[in-house]
Amino acid sequence: MQELVIGVVSSLIATVLTVAAGWFGLSWPRRLLLRLLSRMSGVGVLRSYPKQSAANADLAADLRAARWIKVLTGRGNELARDSFQEAWRPGNPRLESTRVLLPDPADAGGWLRAREDEVRRLDPGIESGLLAKQVSANIDYVSAVATKNASVELRLFDAPHNCRVILTDRLAYFTPYLQETHGRNSPCLVFRNGSAMYDYLLRLFDGLWQAGRGSAGAPRVAGPFGGTAERMFEDFIDEHVDVGEARLRVRHGGSGAPVLLLHGHPRAHATWHRVAPLLAADFTVVCPDLRGYGQSSKPPSTPDHEPYSKRAMAGDCVRLMRALGHERFAVVGHDRGAYVAQRLGLDHPEAVTHVAVLDVVPIGEALARCDAGFASAWWHWFFLGQTAKPAERVINADPDAWYGLTPEVMGQEAYDDLRAALHDPETVHAMCEDYRAGLGLDRAADDADRAAGRTIACPLLALWATGDDMEDLYGDVLAVWRGWAENVDGGPIESGHHMAEEAPDQLAARLRLFLKG
């Protein structure tokens, strides 16, 4: 902290001296002082400008060379100017992402009005509420850009704000908003990546980004800066638990009867981030990454694919819940996680109170009924499950293209969490092993249960998405499940396949009614 304070003071001294030198038209003292004081302080000043507006040409060039851009600003009027046009251009092969933070005009009234009072002293003709109107207009502008360019993201924040920050992967432009002048007339400093001030400004932006909220009405909860945000698993514990054969990443929180939420392919536990808080008021909610998925460990595979069988995953779940203090619990599974939930109900009836399965019928049932329609619609089962020409090589060549995921539906934090996992070849291999076990050991386990007449004794809820093909493939989905459980209820959810992300309120309401029954 002492070094940072020294660095900031040194930078301010450098700014005063270099601006003074600029008044006298002397460029070499300015460059010399910048280099000397920057090196002494470690702050990393590269350039300074007596006015923010004087930096526009260099800023435009730096934005054209950027791999990513992050902007924290007050009114945001500069976002519509020429220097920013490269940030908005769709199809730029170099630019990976542009993130913009603007004040929330609905929530930031106090400090926004205070800044308006400061500006009015400089320009008495400014009408009341003008800053909020300008911010709203710029929110609309960036939102319209984002509809045409998927790499552009906008969030709103509520925190006292006295500077403009523009970051790229190489540089940080910093303009303090001074009381005695407009922001465009305030001095501007440029810091290099790796310097103390660059790192500080990057942390400032990332902290406000996490506390910000989407501009189009994303779910809102209290943020650490006093604003609102779509936050993942607020007040949940995030830890890794050793369950013997695997080490599972798990988030858990809430209070009440325990319920285990199991994700499908290729998702991980974060797919539940909108449902889990809705259930946490009434239940203790546990959301793990299944073995092989997300940040959970990837046990070595075997020729018979047993480590990725649903029986092995179900065993992990029982040991996880016991480690968290839950001998009996309800389980909800989606997609591949639903097969684990089914296996828990069949193999561990003493531990399971309720089973909910989302958008599936049993693997054994699906394969027994398999026809050309199923094979053409669900071809990925067989591509991922075969070993003659393993799918891993195709997927790992370009995971983003293969999975085609975007943050729009699942949320940015969940997307970032999932994308990191999908770029791990070990995760991709483990997920393929899940499908290989499905075609072999999992089907054999289902066939054995059916032959022995074993069924799930506890209540079972089967839900399916209207936007998926369950009814097309199986007609009466509940009739299929009545052959596998003694007490079956359920119905459709108005949603696409990933209902926990697309219809969290409707899904949570159905689950709450079932689990309390």
Foldseek 3Di string as FASTA:
>chain_A
DVLVVLLVVLVVVLQVVLVVCVVVVDDVVNQVSQVVSCVVSLQFWDDKDQFLLVCLVVLLVVLLVFQEKEKEDELCPCCPDPSNPSVLDAPSPRHQAYEYEYADLVAQVPLNQVLVVLVCVVPVVDDPPPSSVSSVVVLVVQVVSCVVHVRYFYWHFHANDFWIWMDGQFKIKIFGHDSNDGSRSTMITMGTPPGPNNVVVVVVRVQRVQQTDGPPDDDWDQGPRRTTYLHFLVPWDWDWDDLDQKIKTKTKAADEAEEEEAEAPPAAQLLQRLQVVVCRPHYTYMGIGFALHFPMHHGDADPLLVCLALLVSLSSVCSVCVVVPAQAHAYEYAHLGLQNLQNCLQVPVVRYAEYEYEADFALLVCVVLDDPVCCVVVVVLVQLQDDPPHCLVVCLVDVCVVVVDGCPQSHDVSVVSRVVRSNDSSSSNSSSSNSNCSVPVRNVVVVVCLVVVTAREHEYEYEYEPQDCPCVRPPPRQVSNVSHYVHYDYYYDHAHRSCSRTPSVVVSVVVVVVVVD
